[in-house]
Amino acid sequence: MWTGDEAYWGRVSPILFPIVGRLKEDHYQVDGQTYKMSQHGFLRDVEFDVAEQTSTNVSLVFESLGR
């Protein structure tokens, strides 16, 4: 994972969820409802909790607090 070096790019390696890239006109539809979603999804800049960590793996968790 990229930890950031402002000489090249000032950010860190984000978790892109649920999409990588951008949707057409930044919208998607589910069951006839239209929703807006920005580039790379809605969790790009969110901090995750570490659920489990070993020397070779890490499991991250995000829990929504509601709508």
Protein backbone atom coordinates (compact mmCIF):
# COMPACT_ATOMS: atom_id res chain seq x y z
CA MET A 1 0.00 0.00 0.00
CA TRP A 2 1.20 3.49 -0.81
CA THR A 3 1.94 5.44 2.36
CA GLY A 4 2.37 8.75 0.58
CA ASP A 5 5.28 10.84 -0.62
CA GLU A 6 4.30 14.40 -1.52
CA ALA A 7 7.14 14.52 -4.04
CA TYR A 8 5.06 12.15 -6.18
CA TRP A 9 1.51 12.19 -4.79
CA GLY A 10 0.30 13.75 -1.54
CA ARG A 11 -2.31 11.16 -0.69
CA VAL A 12 -2.16 7.58 0.54
CA SER A 13 -3.46 4.44 -1.13
CA PRO A 14 -7.25 4.59 -0.70
CA ILE A 15 -9.69 1.71 -0.48
CA LEU A 16 -11.92 2.19 -3.52
CA PHE A 17 -15.38 0.81 -2.75
CA PRO A 18 -17.69 -0.16 -4.31
CA ILE A 19 -16.20 1.06 -7.61
CA VAL A 20 -12.87 2.00 -9.13
CA GLY A 21 -13.29 4.92 -11.49
CA ARG A 22 -16.36 6.98 -12.25
CA LEU A 23 -19.95 6.19 -13.17
CA LYS A 24 -21.61 7.72 -16.23
CA GLU A 25 -22.85 11.13 -15.03
CA ASP A 26 -21.95 10.03 -11.45
CA HIS A 27 -25.29 8.20 -11.03
CA TYR A 28 -26.53 4.62 -10.72
CA GLN A 29 -29.98 3.04 -10.43
CA VAL A 30 -31.33 0.34 -8.13
CA ASP A 31 -34.98 -0.76 -8.17
CA GLY A 32 -35.99 2.30 -10.19
CA GLN A 33 -34.34 4.77 -7.81
CA THR A 34 -31.45 6.95 -9.00
CA TYR A 35 -28.53 7.63 -6.65
CA LYS A 36 -25.44 9.81 -6.95
CA MET A 37 -21.98 8.38 -6.28
CA SER A 38 -18.73 10.26 -6.67
CA GLN A 39 -15.60 8.94 -8.29
CA HIS A 40 -14.23 5.77 -6.62
CA GLY A 41 -17.29 5.26 -4.43
CA PHE A 42 -18.19 6.45 -0.97
CA LEU A 43 -15.49 4.90 1.24
CA ARG A 44 -12.40 6.34 -0.44
CA ASP A 45 -11.56 8.77 2.38
CA VAL A 46 -13.00 6.88 5.35
CA GLU A 47 -10.91 5.39 8.15
CA PHE A 48 -11.48 1.68 8.73
CA ASP A 49 -11.10 -0.32 11.93
CA VAL A 50 -8.66 -3.23 11.97
CA ALA A 51 -10.63 -6.41 12.63
CA GLU A 52 -7.70 -8.82 12.39
CA GLN A 53 -4.02 -8.52 11.57
CA THR A 54 -1.23 -11.02 11.00
CA SER A 55 2.28 -10.61 9.63
CA THR A 56 0.95 -11.05 6.06
CA ASN A 57 -2.73 -10.01 6.14
CA VAL A 58 -5.10 -7.43 7.51
CA SER A 59 -8.90 -7.44 7.63
CA LEU A 60 -10.54 -4.02 7.77
CA VAL A 61 -14.10 -3.15 8.86
CA PHE A 62 -16.37 -0.18 8.24
CA GLU A 63 -19.68 0.01 10.04
CA SER A 64 -22.33 2.44 8.87
CA LEU A 65 -24.05 4.46 11.55
CA GLY A 66 -27.20 4.75 9.47
CA ARG A 67 -28.48 6.72 6.52
